[in-house]
N, C-alpha and C. Protein backbone atom coordinates (compact mmCIF):
# COMPACT_ATOMS: atom_id res chain seq x y z
N MET A 1 0.77 -1.21 -0.19
CA MET A 1 -0.17 -0.13 0.04
C MET A 1 0.96 1.16 -0.13
N THR A 2 0.63 2.14 -0.96
CA THR A 2 1.16 3.32 -0.99
C THR A 2 0.83 4.32 0.13
N ASP A 3 1.91 4.99 0.86
CA ASP A 3 1.47 6.12 1.62
C ASP A 3 0.23 7.01 1.30
N PRO A 4 -0.85 7.27 1.82
CA PRO A 4 -1.62 8.18 1.42
C PRO A 4 -1.07 9.51 1.06
N ARG A 5 -0.18 10.00 1.77
CA ARG A 5 0.19 11.32 1.54
C ARG A 5 0.96 11.26 0.21
N ILE A 6 1.48 10.34 -0.19
CA ILE A 6 2.03 10.27 -1.44
C ILE A 6 1.40 10.09 -2.48
N GLU A 7 -0.09 9.50 -2.34
CA GLU A 7 -0.62 9.51 -3.34
C GLU A 7 -1.52 10.77 -3.38
N ALA A 8 -1.80 11.51 -2.36
CA ALA A 8 -2.49 12.76 -2.69
C ALA A 8 -1.45 13.77 -3.13
N ALA A 9 0.03 13.72 -3.03
CA ALA A 9 0.77 14.85 -3.62
C ALA A 9 0.73 14.35 -4.79
N ALA A 10 0.79 13.00 -5.21
CA ALA A 10 0.93 12.64 -6.76
C ALA A 10 -0.43 13.25 -7.39
N LYS A 11 -1.41 12.74 -6.85
CA LYS A 11 -2.72 13.54 -7.48
C LYS A 11 -2.44 15.15 -7.61
N ALA A 12 -2.04 15.69 -6.80
CA ALA A 12 -2.07 17.46 -6.62
C ALA A 12 -0.86 17.87 -7.87
N ILE A 13 0.16 17.07 -7.84
CA ILE A 13 1.23 17.18 -8.84
C ILE A 13 0.30 17.09 -10.34
N CYS A 14 -0.06 15.86 -10.58
CA CYS A 14 -0.81 16.00 -11.92
C CYS A 14 -1.72 16.84 -12.24
N ALA A 15 -2.51 17.41 -11.27
CA ALA A 15 -3.49 18.27 -11.41
C ALA A 15 -2.96 19.62 -11.74
N GLU A 16 -1.81 19.95 -11.28
CA GLU A 16 -0.90 21.22 -11.48
C GLU A 16 -0.54 21.10 -12.89
N PHE A 17 0.02 19.84 -13.65
CA PHE A 17 0.47 19.71 -14.71
C PHE A 17 -0.71 20.02 -15.61
N MET A 18 -1.75 19.30 -15.44
CA MET A 18 -3.14 19.39 -16.43
C MET A 18 -3.65 21.00 -16.34
N LYS A 19 -3.28 21.98 -15.44
CA LYS A 19 -3.52 23.32 -15.56
C LYS A 19 -3.00 23.95 -16.61
N ASP A 20 -1.64 23.65 -16.91
CA ASP A 20 -0.85 24.42 -18.23
C ASP A 20 -1.03 23.38 -19.54
N SER A 21 -1.64 24.13 -20.45
CA SER A 21 -1.97 23.40 -21.61
C SER A 21 -0.65 22.89 -22.29
N LYS A 22 0.47 23.52 -22.31
CA LYS A 22 1.78 22.82 -22.72
C LYS A 22 2.23 21.55 -21.92
N ALA A 23 1.94 21.65 -20.65
CA ALA A 23 2.25 20.49 -20.03
C ALA A 23 1.22 19.21 -20.26
N VAL A 24 -0.03 19.58 -20.36
CA VAL A 24 -0.97 18.19 -20.45
C VAL A 24 -0.21 17.19 -21.48
N GLY A 25 0.40 17.70 -22.56
CA GLY A 25 0.94 16.61 -23.65
C GLY A 25 2.18 15.90 -22.83
N ALA A 26 2.96 16.67 -22.13
CA ALA A 26 3.83 15.95 -21.41
C ALA A 26 3.68 15.06 -20.31
N ALA A 27 2.41 15.60 -19.72
CA ALA A 27 1.94 14.70 -18.76
C ALA A 27 1.34 13.48 -19.05
N ARG A 28 0.63 13.47 -20.10
CA ARG A 28 0.20 12.10 -20.69
C ARG A 28 1.20 11.07 -20.90
N LEU A 29 2.34 11.67 -21.01
CA LEU A 29 3.45 10.57 -21.19
C LEU A 29 4.04 9.73 -20.09
N TRP A 30 3.57 10.52 -18.99
CA TRP A 30 4.05 10.03 -17.53
C TRP A 30 3.14 9.00 -17.12
N THR A 31 3.75 8.11 -16.33
CA THR A 31 3.10 6.81 -16.13
C THR A 31 2.44 7.40 -14.53
N GLN A 32 1.61 6.37 -14.01
CA GLN A 32 1.25 6.73 -12.44
C GLN A 32 2.37 6.70 -11.68
N ASP A 33 3.29 5.67 -11.97
CA ASP A 33 4.53 5.47 -11.35
C ASP A 33 5.52 6.59 -11.26
N ALA A 34 5.51 7.25 -12.22
CA ALA A 34 6.49 8.53 -12.29
C ALA A 34 5.94 9.52 -11.75
N PHE A 35 4.57 9.75 -11.55
CA PHE A 35 3.92 10.84 -10.70
C PHE A 35 4.29 10.36 -9.12
N LEU A 36 4.10 9.00 -8.73
CA LEU A 36 4.35 8.72 -7.45
C LEU A 36 5.78 8.75 -7.04
N ASP A 37 6.58 8.49 -8.03
CA ASP A 37 8.14 8.71 -7.86
C ASP A 37 8.57 10.38 -7.50
N LEU A 38 7.77 11.18 -8.32
CA LEU A 38 8.02 12.68 -7.89
C LEU A 38 7.17 12.97 -6.77
N ALA A 39 6.25 12.48 -6.21
CA ALA A 39 5.69 12.83 -5.18
C ALA A 39 6.47 12.15 -3.89
N ARG A 40 7.13 10.96 -3.91
CA ARG A 40 7.77 10.42 -2.70
C ARG A 40 8.89 11.47 -2.60
N ALA A 41 9.77 11.84 -3.89
CA ALA A 41 11.16 12.70 -3.51
C ALA A 41 10.57 14.15 -3.30
N SER A 42 9.50 14.61 -3.52
CA SER A 42 8.86 15.96 -3.03
C SER A 42 8.84 15.75 -1.67
N LEU A 43 8.04 14.88 -0.92
CA LEU A 43 7.67 14.49 0.31
C LEU A 43 8.87 14.43 1.37
N SER A 44 9.75 13.71 0.74
CA SER A 44 10.93 13.37 1.26
C SER A 44 11.75 14.58 1.58
N ALA A 45 11.95 15.46 0.72
CA ALA A 45 12.67 16.95 0.61
C ALA A 45 11.78 17.67 1.53
N ALA A 46 10.63 17.71 1.56
CA ALA A 46 9.79 18.49 2.60
C ALA A 46 9.90 17.92 3.93
N ASP A 47 9.86 16.75 4.27
CA ASP A 47 10.17 16.08 5.55
C ASP A 47 11.47 16.50 6.00
N ALA A 48 12.65 16.34 5.28
CA ALA A 48 13.59 16.86 5.63
C ALA A 48 13.89 18.34 6.10
N ALA A 49 13.30 19.20 5.41
CA ALA A 49 13.42 20.67 5.35
C ALA A 49 12.58 20.98 6.57
N ALA A 50 11.54 20.32 7.12
CA ALA A 50 10.82 20.61 8.27
C ALA A 50 11.52 20.95 9.35
N TRP A 51 12.41 20.20 9.62
CA TRP A 51 13.38 20.36 10.76
C TRP A 51 14.12 21.54 10.73
N ARG A 52 14.12 22.32 11.93
CA ARG A 52 14.98 23.52 11.86
C ARG A 52 15.74 23.35 13.13
N PRO A 53 16.87 24.47 13.18
CA PRO A 53 17.60 24.37 14.26
C PRO A 53 16.96 24.73 15.58
N ILE A 54 17.14 24.14 16.71
CA ILE A 54 16.58 24.43 17.87
C ILE A 54 16.68 25.81 18.38
N GLU A 55 17.71 26.69 17.84
CA GLU A 55 17.91 27.98 18.37
C GLU A 55 16.87 28.94 17.88
N THR A 56 16.02 28.38 16.86
CA THR A 56 14.87 29.12 16.25
C THR A 56 13.58 28.64 16.70
N ALA A 57 13.66 27.76 17.65
CA ALA A 57 12.31 27.19 18.25
C ALA A 57 11.56 28.17 19.26
N PRO A 58 10.12 28.35 18.92
CA PRO A 58 9.38 29.19 19.86
C PRO A 58 9.64 28.80 21.33
N ARG A 59 9.71 29.88 22.06
CA ARG A 59 9.88 29.78 23.60
C ARG A 59 8.81 30.37 24.29
N ASP A 60 7.55 30.26 23.76
CA ASP A 60 6.26 30.92 24.14
C ASP A 60 5.35 29.99 24.54
N GLY A 61 5.72 28.77 24.98
CA GLY A 61 4.70 27.74 25.55
C GLY A 61 4.05 27.18 24.30
N ALA A 62 4.41 27.29 23.27
CA ALA A 62 3.75 26.66 21.81
C ALA A 62 4.08 25.28 21.75
N HIS A 63 3.50 24.27 21.44
CA HIS A 63 3.68 22.99 21.63
C HIS A 63 4.39 22.68 20.24
N ILE A 64 5.42 21.83 20.13
CA ILE A 64 6.09 21.67 18.91
C ILE A 64 6.95 20.10 19.16
N ASP A 65 7.10 19.69 17.99
CA ASP A 65 7.95 18.13 18.15
C ASP A 65 9.62 18.59 18.02
N LEU A 66 10.37 17.85 18.81
CA LEU A 66 11.54 18.19 18.89
C LEU A 66 12.34 16.84 18.64
N TRP A 67 13.45 16.96 18.00
CA TRP A 67 14.29 15.87 17.85
C TRP A 67 15.63 15.81 18.69
N VAL A 68 15.69 14.71 19.70
CA VAL A 68 16.65 14.66 20.77
C VAL A 68 17.47 13.78 20.71
N ILE A 69 18.70 13.69 21.03
CA ILE A 69 19.66 12.65 21.10
C ILE A 69 20.09 12.45 22.36
N ASN A 70 19.74 11.24 22.81
CA ASN A 70 19.69 10.76 24.15
C ASN A 70 21.10 10.11 24.42
N SER A 71 21.49 9.75 25.83
CA SER A 71 23.06 9.57 26.09
C SER A 71 23.66 8.51 25.45
N ASP A 72 22.98 7.65 24.58
CA ASP A 72 23.62 6.58 23.92
C ASP A 72 23.70 7.08 22.29
N GLY A 73 23.37 8.05 22.24
CA GLY A 73 23.80 8.94 20.81
C GLY A 73 22.60 8.53 19.95
N GLU A 74 21.57 8.03 20.25
CA GLU A 74 20.42 7.75 19.49
C GLU A 74 19.36 8.98 19.14
N GLY A 75 19.08 9.31 18.21
CA GLY A 75 17.81 10.52 18.25
C GLY A 75 16.69 9.73 17.92
N HIS A 76 15.66 10.54 18.59
CA HIS A 76 14.27 10.42 18.44
C HIS A 76 13.45 11.56 18.33
N ARG A 77 12.42 11.37 18.12
CA ARG A 77 11.32 12.51 18.18
C ARG A 77 10.45 12.49 19.26
N LEU A 78 10.28 13.56 19.74
CA LEU A 78 9.58 13.82 21.06
C LEU A 78 8.71 14.57 20.36
N THR A 79 7.24 14.33 20.66
CA THR A 79 6.01 15.10 20.09
C THR A 79 5.47 15.92 21.44
N ASP A 80 4.83 16.93 20.79
CA ASP A 80 4.11 17.88 21.94
C ASP A 80 4.96 18.43 22.90
N ALA A 81 6.13 19.01 22.70
CA ALA A 81 6.91 19.57 23.52
C ALA A 81 6.53 21.09 23.83
N TYR A 82 7.17 21.47 24.69
CA TYR A 82 7.28 23.04 24.77
C TYR A 82 7.98 23.62 25.81
N PHE A 83 8.61 24.87 25.77
CA PHE A 83 9.49 25.34 26.53
C PHE A 83 8.63 26.22 27.42
N GLY A 84 8.72 25.94 28.91
CA GLY A 84 8.06 26.71 29.78
C GLY A 84 8.73 26.17 31.32
N GLU A 85 7.62 26.25 32.53
CA GLU A 85 8.01 25.96 33.55
C GLU A 85 7.65 24.44 33.76
N ILE A 86 8.35 23.55 34.66
CA ILE A 86 7.72 22.18 34.80
C ILE A 86 6.37 22.17 35.63
N PRO A 87 5.43 21.39 35.10
CA PRO A 87 4.31 21.51 35.95
C PRO A 87 4.49 20.84 37.32
N HIS A 88 3.73 21.23 38.39
CA HIS A 88 4.08 20.76 39.59
C HIS A 88 2.79 21.44 40.60
N THR A 89 1.73 20.36 41.08
CA THR A 89 0.77 20.72 41.89
C THR A 89 0.64 20.40 43.14
N CYS A 90 1.82 20.42 43.87
CA CYS A 90 1.47 20.25 45.31
C CYS A 90 1.17 21.59 46.08
N GLY A 91 1.12 22.74 45.34
CA GLY A 91 0.72 23.98 45.98
C GLY A 91 1.51 24.68 47.06
N GLU A 92 2.92 23.85 47.46
CA GLU A 92 3.58 24.30 48.27
C GLU A 92 4.75 25.27 48.00
N TYR A 93 5.21 24.98 46.55
CA TYR A 93 6.22 25.58 46.01
C TYR A 93 7.63 25.65 46.94
N GLY A 94 7.88 24.77 47.59
CA GLY A 94 9.30 24.49 48.10
C GLY A 94 9.12 24.81 49.46
N LYS A 95 8.00 25.45 49.96
CA LYS A 95 7.92 25.89 51.62
C LYS A 95 7.91 24.67 52.24
N TYR A 96 6.97 23.37 51.73
CA TYR A 96 7.06 22.31 52.73
C TYR A 96 7.32 20.96 51.89
N CYS A 97 7.44 21.45 50.71
CA CYS A 97 7.46 20.32 49.57
C CYS A 97 8.87 20.03 49.51
N ASP A 98 9.36 18.89 49.36
CA ASP A 98 10.67 18.27 49.10
C ASP A 98 10.88 17.63 47.48
N SER A 99 9.74 17.91 46.92
CA SER A 99 10.07 17.39 45.36
C SER A 99 9.42 18.48 44.40
N CYS A 100 9.46 19.57 44.70
CA CYS A 100 9.16 20.69 43.80
C CYS A 100 10.11 20.80 42.76
N PRO A 101 9.93 20.99 41.43
CA PRO A 101 10.96 21.12 40.60
C PRO A 101 11.79 22.24 40.67
N PRO A 102 12.78 22.50 40.18
CA PRO A 102 13.69 23.53 40.12
C PRO A 102 12.75 25.04 39.27
N GLU A 103 13.07 26.29 39.83
CA GLU A 103 12.37 27.31 39.02
C GLU A 103 13.09 27.63 37.69
N GLY A 104 12.36 28.17 36.69
CA GLY A 104 12.74 28.52 35.62
C GLY A 104 11.91 27.73 34.33
N ASN A 105 12.49 27.99 33.33
CA ASN A 105 11.76 27.48 32.07
C ASN A 105 12.65 26.41 31.49
N PHE A 106 12.28 25.30 30.94
CA PHE A 106 13.31 24.31 30.57
C PHE A 106 12.07 23.60 29.27
N TRP A 107 12.77 22.68 28.47
CA TRP A 107 12.08 22.14 27.52
C TRP A 107 11.39 20.91 28.19
N ILE A 108 9.87 20.80 28.01
CA ILE A 108 9.00 20.20 28.75
C ILE A 108 8.21 19.06 27.78
N ASP A 109 8.13 17.71 28.51
CA ASP A 109 7.52 16.81 27.36
C ASP A 109 5.92 17.13 27.93
N GLY A 110 5.21 17.73 26.71
CA GLY A 110 3.93 18.01 27.01
C GLY A 110 2.97 17.01 27.29
N ILE A 111 3.34 15.79 27.16
CA ILE A 111 2.50 14.61 27.37
C ILE A 111 2.59 14.26 28.98
N PHE A 112 3.82 14.01 29.45
CA PHE A 112 4.10 13.81 30.81
C PHE A 112 4.41 14.82 31.56
N GLY A 113 4.65 15.88 31.30
CA GLY A 113 5.09 17.01 31.97
C GLY A 113 6.45 17.06 32.82
N GLN A 114 7.22 16.33 32.45
CA GLN A 114 8.80 16.24 32.78
C GLN A 114 9.75 16.95 31.88
N GLN A 115 10.79 17.41 32.51
CA GLN A 115 11.90 18.23 31.83
C GLN A 115 12.48 17.11 30.72
N ILE A 116 12.91 17.77 29.77
CA ILE A 116 13.50 16.55 28.67
C ILE A 116 14.87 16.79 28.65
N PHE A 117 15.69 15.64 28.93
CA PHE A 117 17.00 15.52 28.99
C PHE A 117 17.66 15.01 27.63
N GLY A 118 18.57 15.29 27.14
CA GLY A 118 19.28 14.86 26.39
C GLY A 118 19.79 16.24 25.42
N ARG A 119 20.25 16.27 24.32
CA ARG A 119 20.81 17.13 23.30
C ARG A 119 19.69 17.31 22.40
N ILE A 120 19.09 18.46 22.49
CA ILE A 120 18.20 18.72 21.60
C ILE A 120 18.54 19.41 20.35
N ILE A 121 18.44 18.85 19.22
CA ILE A 121 19.04 19.60 18.11
C ILE A 121 18.26 20.33 17.19
N GLY A 122 16.80 19.88 17.06
CA GLY A 122 16.17 20.50 15.90
C GLY A 122 14.53 20.24 16.49
N TRP A 123 13.58 21.24 15.70
CA TRP A 123 12.18 21.04 16.08
C TRP A 123 11.56 21.40 14.63
N GLN A 124 10.25 21.05 14.71
CA GLN A 124 9.39 21.31 13.78
C GLN A 124 7.96 21.73 14.33
N PRO A 125 7.13 22.25 13.53
CA PRO A 125 6.05 22.63 14.21
C PRO A 125 5.11 21.09 14.10
N LEU A 126 4.07 21.40 14.95
CA LEU A 126 3.12 20.21 15.02
C LEU A 126 2.40 19.99 13.64
N PRO A 127 2.09 18.56 13.20
CA PRO A 127 1.51 18.36 11.91
C PRO A 127 0.09 18.97 12.01
N ALA A 128 -0.53 19.17 10.59
CA ALA A 128 -1.82 19.88 10.72
C ALA A 128 -2.86 18.79 11.04
N PRO A 129 -4.10 19.26 11.76
CA PRO A 129 -4.77 18.09 12.05
C PRO A 129 -5.57 17.45 11.04
N PRO A 130 -6.43 16.14 11.04
CA PRO A 130 -7.18 15.80 10.27
C PRO A 130 -8.09 16.28 9.92
N LYS A 131 -8.25 16.22 8.37
CA LYS A 131 -9.63 16.93 7.99
C LYS A 131 -10.72 16.49 8.35
N ASP A 132 -11.81 17.02 8.32
CA ASP A 132 -13.12 16.68 9.02
C ASP A 132 -13.48 15.44 8.51
N GLU A 133 -13.61 15.25 7.00
CA GLU A 133 -14.02 14.00 6.30
C GLU A 133 -13.19 12.87 6.95
N VAL A 134 -11.97 12.84 7.35
CA VAL A 134 -11.28 11.93 7.86
C VAL A 134 -11.79 11.38 9.23
N LEU A 135 -12.26 12.21 10.02
CA LEU A 135 -12.91 11.93 11.38
C LEU A 135 -14.30 11.40 11.44
N GLY A 136 -14.89 11.42 10.11
CA GLY A 136 -16.00 11.30 9.95
C GLY A 136 -17.37 11.86 10.49
């Protein structure tokens, strides 16, 4: 099964070809596989370009995806991260609590609410949500 993103991109590329009367003749010579190959290459390039240097990441609490290198040198994508304070709900804020997190802003795992450790090297915006017709 072909990735639905590639199929959608191939259809969009073909549709763009058909808008130009000069390209229509050339497009007819292309096979479906040629459009799929072009879509694969385009999406691969777009995916690679989506990652941006961490220095350019928003630090306003916006949720983003991060690329983190762990202590073993392995990279992985961490979704829904943000830059801000570590959430803590004891209500004591250090007065009586011995588990309060340090004060300040850190990169936070937005799902588990914990500080992210490792070398963060890149970020990208969250993907677009599904279209209504996908959700039914």
